[in-house]
Amino acid sequence: MRKKVDCRDYPSEMNCTLVIAGEEEEVVRAASEHAVSVHGHQDSAELREQIRSSLKDEVPQHA
């Protein structure tokens, strides 16, 4: 099942609204890169584990 992470679940000063969805490893990698480049976090194993533990299942949207 695809996973997602939504910046809106983690309020920040910049009110980021990015949602990243895909296979688990893709989402963890992209979300950690986003957290570093946009939110100023340090890339670390701890950051990636925090992201991994916060992933939610993506619910498919049907038209």
PDB file of N, CA and C in Angstrom:
ATOM      1  N   MET A   1       0.838  -1.180   0.000  1.00  0.00           N
ATOM      2  CA  MET A   1       0.000   0.000   0.000  1.00  0.00           C
ATOM      3  C   MET A   1       0.883   1.243   0.000  1.00  0.00           C
ATOM      4  N   ARG A   2       0.473   2.245  -0.773  1.00  0.00           N
ATOM      5  CA  ARG A   2       1.205   3.511  -0.807  1.00  0.00           C
ATOM      6  C   ARG A   2       1.067   4.221   0.529  1.00  0.00           C
ATOM      7  N   LYS A   3       2.085   4.994   0.855  1.00  0.00           N
ATOM      8  CA  LYS A   3       2.112   5.761   2.099  1.00  0.00           C
ATOM      9  C   LYS A   3       2.127   7.240   1.776  1.00  0.00           C
ATOM     10  N   LYS A   4       1.786   8.053   2.785  1.00  0.00           N
ATOM     11  CA  LYS A   4       1.847   9.500   2.584  1.00  0.00           C
ATOM     12  C   LYS A   4       2.256  10.179   3.876  1.00  0.00           C
ATOM     13  N   VAL A   5       2.785  11.380   3.713  1.00  0.00           N
ATOM     14  CA  VAL A   5       3.076  12.267   4.829  1.00  0.00           C
ATOM     15  C   VAL A   5       2.592  13.648   4.411  1.00  0.00           C
ATOM     16  N   ASP A   6       1.998  14.367   5.348  1.00  0.00           N
ATOM     17  CA  ASP A   6       1.362  15.648   5.050  1.00  0.00           C
ATOM     18  C   ASP A   6       1.920  16.697   6.003  1.00  0.00           C
ATOM     19  N   CYS A   7       2.576  17.710   5.456  1.00  0.00           N
ATOM     20  CA  CYS A   7       3.157  18.769   6.300  1.00  0.00           C
ATOM     21  C   CYS A   7       2.096  19.481   7.141  1.00  0.00           C
ATOM     22  N   ARG A   8       0.861  19.485   6.704  1.00  0.00           N
ATOM     23  CA  ARG A   8      -0.197  20.154   7.468  1.00  0.00           C
ATOM     24  C   ARG A   8      -0.418  19.493   8.821  1.00  0.00           C
ATOM     25  N   ASP A   9       0.030  18.234   8.967  1.00  0.00           N
ATOM     26  CA  ASP A   9      -0.091  17.538  10.253  1.00  0.00           C
ATOM     27  C   ASP A   9       0.936  18.032  11.262  1.00  0.00           C
ATOM     28  N   TYR A  10       1.899  18.843  10.803  1.00  0.00           N
ATOM     29  CA  TYR A  10       2.981  19.348  11.650  1.00  0.00           C
ATOM     30  C   TYR A  10       3.078  20.848  11.452  1.00  0.00           C
ATOM     31  N   PRO A  11       2.275  21.605  12.188  1.00  0.00           N
ATOM     32  CA  PRO A  11       2.254  23.059  11.985  1.00  0.00           C
ATOM     33  C   PRO A  11       3.652  23.665  12.067  1.00  0.00           C
ATOM     34  N   SER A  12       3.923  24.597  11.155  1.00  0.00           N
ATOM     35  CA  SER A  12       5.204  25.277  11.136  1.00  0.00           C
ATOM     36  C   SER A  12       4.957  26.754  10.866  1.00  0.00           C
ATOM     37  N   GLU A  13       5.995  27.539  11.043  1.00  0.00           N
ATOM     38  CA  GLU A  13       5.883  28.976  10.818  1.00  0.00           C
ATOM     39  C   GLU A  13       5.528  29.296   9.375  1.00  0.00           C
ATOM     40  N   MET A  14       5.924  28.432   8.436  1.00  0.00           N
ATOM     41  CA  MET A  14       5.672  28.721   7.029  1.00  0.00           C
ATOM     42  C   MET A  14       4.355  28.141   6.523  1.00  0.00           C
ATOM     43  N   ASN A  15       3.602  27.480   7.392  1.00  0.00           N
ATOM     44  CA  ASN A  15       2.306  26.911   7.011  1.00  0.00           C
ATOM     45  C   ASN A  15       2.398  26.071   5.745  1.00  0.00           C
ATOM     46  N   CYS A  16       3.372  25.174   5.714  1.00  0.00           N
ATOM     47  CA  CYS A  16       3.606  24.311   4.562  1.00  0.00           C
ATOM     48  C   CYS A  16       2.410  23.381   4.345  1.00  0.00           C
ATOM     49  N   THR A  17       2.022  23.196   3.091  1.00  0.00           N
ATOM     50  CA  THR A  17       0.869  22.350   2.768  1.00  0.00           C
ATOM     51  C   THR A  17       1.244  21.154   1.893  1.00  0.00           C
ATOM     52  N   LEU A  18       2.538  20.848   1.797  1.00  0.00           N
ATOM     53  CA  LEU A  18       2.994  19.772   0.928  1.00  0.00           C
ATOM     54  C   LEU A  18       2.526  18.405   1.423  1.00  0.00           C
ATOM     55  N   VAL A  19       2.075  17.563   0.486  1.00  0.00           N
ATOM     56  CA  VAL A  19       1.762  16.165   0.746  1.00  0.00           C
ATOM     57  C   VAL A  19       2.647  15.337  -0.171  1.00  0.00           C
ATOM     58  N   ILE A  20       3.314  14.341   0.394  1.00  0.00           N
ATOM     59  CA  ILE A  20       4.175  13.454  -0.388  1.00  0.00           C
ATOM     60  C   ILE A  20       3.593  12.053  -0.268  1.00  0.00           C
ATOM     61  N   ALA A  21       3.387  11.386  -1.410  1.00  0.00           N
ATOM     62  CA  ALA A  21       2.801  10.054  -1.409  1.00  0.00           C
ATOM     63  C   ALA A  21       3.570   9.158  -2.363  1.00  0.00           C
ATOM     64  N   GLY A  22       3.654   7.876  -2.019  1.00  0.00           N
ATOM     65  CA  GLY A  22       4.314   6.894  -2.868  1.00  0.00           C
ATOM     66  C   GLY A  22       4.671   5.666  -2.055  1.00  0.00           C
ATOM     67  N   GLU A  23       5.606   4.891  -2.579  1.00  0.00           N
ATOM     68  CA  GLU A  23       6.092   3.729  -1.830  1.00  0.00           C
ATOM     69  C   GLU A  23       6.847   4.225  -0.597  1.00  0.00           C
ATOM     70  N   GLU A  24       6.841   3.453   0.467  1.00  0.00           N
ATOM     71  CA  GLU A  24       7.381   3.901   1.749  1.00  0.00           C
ATOM     72  C   GLU A  24       8.786   4.501   1.655  1.00  0.00           C
ATOM     73  N   GLU A  25       9.708   3.807   1.009  1.00  0.00           N
ATOM     74  CA  GLU A  25      11.082   4.309   0.947  1.00  0.00           C
ATOM     75  C   GLU A  25      11.171   5.611   0.151  1.00  0.00           C
ATOM     76  N   GLU A  26      10.364   5.732  -0.903  1.00  0.00           N
ATOM     77  CA  GLU A  26      10.345   6.973  -1.691  1.00  0.00           C
ATOM     78  C   GLU A  26       9.862   8.143  -0.839  1.00  0.00           C
ATOM     79  N   VAL A  27       8.826   7.909  -0.072  1.00  0.00           N
ATOM     80  CA  VAL A  27       8.257   8.969   0.751  1.00  0.00           C
ATOM     81  C   VAL A  27       9.233   9.378   1.848  1.00  0.00           C
ATOM     82  N   VAL A  28       9.855   8.413   2.499  1.00  0.00           N
ATOM     83  CA  VAL A  28      10.816   8.736   3.562  1.00  0.00           C
ATOM     84  C   VAL A  28      11.967   9.558   2.982  1.00  0.00           C
ATOM     85  N   ARG A  29      12.492   9.147   1.841  1.00  0.00           N
ATOM     86  CA  ARG A  29      13.601   9.866   1.221  1.00  0.00           C
ATOM     87  C   ARG A  29      13.188  11.283   0.824  1.00  0.00           C
ATOM     88  N   ALA A  30      12.065  11.423   0.136  1.00  0.00           N
ATOM     89  CA  ALA A  30      11.614  12.739  -0.327  1.00  0.00           C
ATOM     90  C   ALA A  30      11.234  13.641   0.847  1.00  0.00           C
ATOM     91  N   ALA A  31      10.580  13.075   1.850  1.00  0.00           N
ATOM     92  CA  ALA A  31      10.167  13.880   2.999  1.00  0.00           C
ATOM     93  C   ALA A  31      11.374  14.341   3.812  1.00  0.00           C
ATOM     94  N   SER A  32      12.396  13.500   3.925  1.00  0.00           N
ATOM     95  CA  SER A  32      13.586  13.926   4.665  1.00  0.00           C
ATOM     96  C   SER A  32      14.318  15.013   3.893  1.00  0.00           C
ATOM     97  N   GLU A  33      14.396  14.893   2.573  1.00  0.00           N
ATOM     98  CA  GLU A  33      15.017  15.942   1.767  1.00  0.00           C
ATOM     99  C   GLU A  33      14.239  17.256   1.895  1.00  0.00           C
ATOM    100  N   HIS A  34      12.920  17.177   1.898  1.00  0.00           N
ATOM    101  CA  HIS A  34      12.076  18.355   2.066  1.00  0.00           C
ATOM    102  C   HIS A  34      12.277  18.965   3.458  1.00  0.00           C
ATOM    103  N   ALA A  35      12.315  18.124   4.484  1.00  0.00           N
ATOM    104  CA  ALA A  35      12.489  18.621   5.854  1.00  0.00           C
ATOM    105  C   ALA A  35      13.809  19.372   6.005  1.00  0.00           C
ATOM    106  N   VAL A  36      14.842  18.887   5.335  1.00  0.00           N
ATOM    107  CA  VAL A  36      16.157  19.531   5.402  1.00  0.00           C
ATOM    108  C   VAL A  36      16.162  20.827   4.593  1.00  0.00           C
ATOM    109  N   SER A  37      15.730  20.765   3.330  1.00  0.00           N
ATOM    110  CA  SER A  37      15.866  21.922   2.438  1.00  0.00           C
ATOM    111  C   SER A  37      14.869  23.037   2.734  1.00  0.00           C
ATOM    112  N   VAL A  38      13.671  22.688   3.206  1.00  0.00           N
ATOM    113  CA  VAL A  38      12.642  23.703   3.416  1.00  0.00           C
ATOM    114  C   VAL A  38      12.493  24.081   4.886  1.00  0.00           C
ATOM    115  N   HIS A  39      12.541  23.083   5.761  1.00  0.00           N
ATOM    116  CA  HIS A  39      12.262  23.333   7.175  1.00  0.00           C
ATOM    117  C   HIS A  39      13.518  23.451   8.036  1.00  0.00           C
ATOM    118  N   GLY A  40      14.697  23.240   7.445  1.00  0.00           N
ATOM    119  CA  GLY A  40      15.938  23.457   8.167  1.00  0.00           C
ATOM    120  C   GLY A  40      16.350  22.367   9.135  1.00  0.00           C
ATOM    121  N   HIS A  41      15.759  21.175   9.012  1.00  0.00           N
ATOM    122  CA  HIS A  41      16.142  20.063   9.880  1.00  0.00           C
ATOM    123  C   HIS A  41      17.491  19.497   9.445  1.00  0.00           C
ATOM    124  N   GLN A  42      18.153  18.792  10.330  1.00  0.00           N
ATOM    125  CA  GLN A  42      19.387  18.076  10.006  1.00  0.00           C
ATOM    126  C   GLN A  42      19.014  16.688   9.511  1.00  0.00           C
ATOM    127  N   ASP A  43      19.623  16.261   8.405  1.00  0.00           N
ATOM    128  CA  ASP A  43      19.366  14.909   7.904  1.00  0.00           C
ATOM    129  C   ASP A  43      20.043  13.926   8.841  1.00  0.00           C
ATOM    130  N   SER A  44      19.276  12.987   9.359  1.00  0.00           N
ATOM    131  CA  SER A  44      19.815  12.005  10.292  1.00  0.00           C
ATOM    132  C   SER A  44      18.941  10.766  10.282  1.00  0.00           C
ATOM    133  N   ALA A  45      19.475   9.709  10.857  1.00  0.00           N
ATOM    134  CA  ALA A  45      18.690   8.484  10.996  1.00  0.00           C
ATOM    135  C   ALA A  45      17.461   8.736  11.861  1.00  0.00           C
ATOM    136  N   GLU A  46      17.593   9.593  12.857  1.00  0.00           N
ATOM    137  CA  GLU A  46      16.472   9.906  13.742  1.00  0.00           C
ATOM    138  C   GLU A  46      15.361  10.629  12.983  1.00  0.00           C
ATOM    139  N   LEU A  47      15.741  11.576  12.128  1.00  0.00           N
ATOM    140  CA  LEU A  47      14.738  12.284  11.326  1.00  0.00           C
ATOM    141  C   LEU A  47      13.996  11.301  10.436  1.00  0.00           C
ATOM    142  N   ARG A  48      14.720  10.438   9.757  1.00  0.00           N
ATOM    143  CA  ARG A  48      14.081   9.464   8.859  1.00  0.00           C
ATOM    144  C   ARG A  48      13.166   8.517   9.628  1.00  0.00           C
ATOM    145  N   GLU A  49      13.571   8.145  10.842  1.00  0.00           N
ATOM    146  CA  GLU A  49      12.732   7.250  11.650  1.00  0.00           C
ATOM    147  C   GLU A  49      11.472   7.978  12.121  1.00  0.00           C
ATOM    148  N   GLN A  50      11.599   9.256  12.463  1.00  0.00           N
ATOM    149  CA  GLN A  50      10.413  10.040  12.841  1.00  0.00           C
ATOM    150  C   GLN A  50       9.444  10.123  11.665  1.00  0.00           C
ATOM    151  N   ILE A  51       9.977  10.365  10.488  1.00  0.00           N
ATOM    152  CA  ILE A  51       9.129  10.431   9.296  1.00  0.00           C
ATOM    153  C   ILE A  51       8.469   9.082   9.051  1.00  0.00           C
ATOM    154  N   ARG A  52       9.259   8.009   9.103  1.00  0.00           N
ATOM    155  CA  ARG A  52       8.719   6.669   8.858  1.00  0.00           C
ATOM    156  C   ARG A  52       7.588   6.342   9.842  1.00  0.00           C
ATOM    157  N   SER A  53       7.754   6.722  11.105  1.00  0.00           N
ATOM    158  CA  SER A  53       6.735   6.394  12.106  1.00  0.00           C
ATOM    159  C   SER A  53       5.478   7.242  11.947  1.00  0.00           C
ATOM    160  N   SER A  54       5.583   8.360  11.220  1.00  0.00           N
ATOM    161  CA  SER A  54       4.409   9.232  11.046  1.00  0.00           C
ATOM    162  C   SER A  54       3.662   8.963   9.741  1.00  0.00           C
ATOM    163  N   LEU A  55       4.160   8.036   8.916  1.00  0.00           N
ATOM    164  CA  LEU A  55       3.501   7.752   7.641  1.00  0.00           C
ATOM    165  C   LEU A  55       2.100   7.201   7.848  1.00  0.00           C
ATOM    166  N   LYS A  56       1.229   7.587   6.942  1.00  0.00           N
ATOM    167  CA  LYS A  56      -0.143   7.085   6.961  1.00  0.00           C
ATOM    168  C   LYS A  56      -0.408   6.364   5.644  1.00  0.00           C
ATOM    169  N   ASP A  57      -1.348   5.452   5.655  1.00  0.00           N
ATOM    170  CA  ASP A  57      -1.754   4.796   4.421  1.00  0.00           C
ATOM    171  C   ASP A  57      -2.467   5.810   3.544  1.00  0.00           C
ATOM    172  N   GLU A  58      -2.138   5.793   2.260  1.00  0.00           N
ATOM    173  CA  GLU A  58      -2.810   6.676   1.330  1.00  0.00           C
ATOM    174  C   GLU A  58      -4.144   6.056   0.959  1.00  0.00           C
ATOM    175  N   VAL A  59      -5.205   6.811   1.109  1.00  0.00           N
ATOM    176  CA  VAL A  59      -6.534   6.341   0.735  1.00  0.00           C
ATOM    177  C   VAL A  59      -6.799   6.783  -0.693  1.00  0.00           C
ATOM    178  N   PRO A  60      -6.964   5.823  -1.613  1.00  0.00           N
ATOM    179  CA  PRO A  60      -7.187   6.205  -3.017  1.00  0.00           C
ATOM    180  C   PRO A  60      -8.438   7.071  -3.171  1.00  0.00           C
ATOM    181  N   GLN A  61      -8.310   8.088  -4.012  1.00  0.00           N
ATOM    182  CA  GLN A  61      -9.443   8.966  -4.316  1.00  0.00           C
ATOM    183  C   GLN A  61     -10.106   8.450  -5.594  1.00  0.00           C
ATOM    184  N   HIS A  62     -11.364   8.129  -5.514  1.00  0.00           N
ATOM    185  CA  HIS A  62     -12.100   7.631  -6.685  1.00  0.00           C
ATOM    186  C   HIS A  62     -12.953   8.743  -7.252  1.00  0.00           C
ATOM    187  N   ALA A  63     -12.962   8.841  -8.546  1.00  0.00           N
ATOM    188  CA  ALA A  63     -13.736   9.904  -9.221  1.00  0.00           C
ATOM    189  C   ALA A  63     -15.212   9.587  -9.218  1.00  0.00           C
TER     190      ALA A  63
END
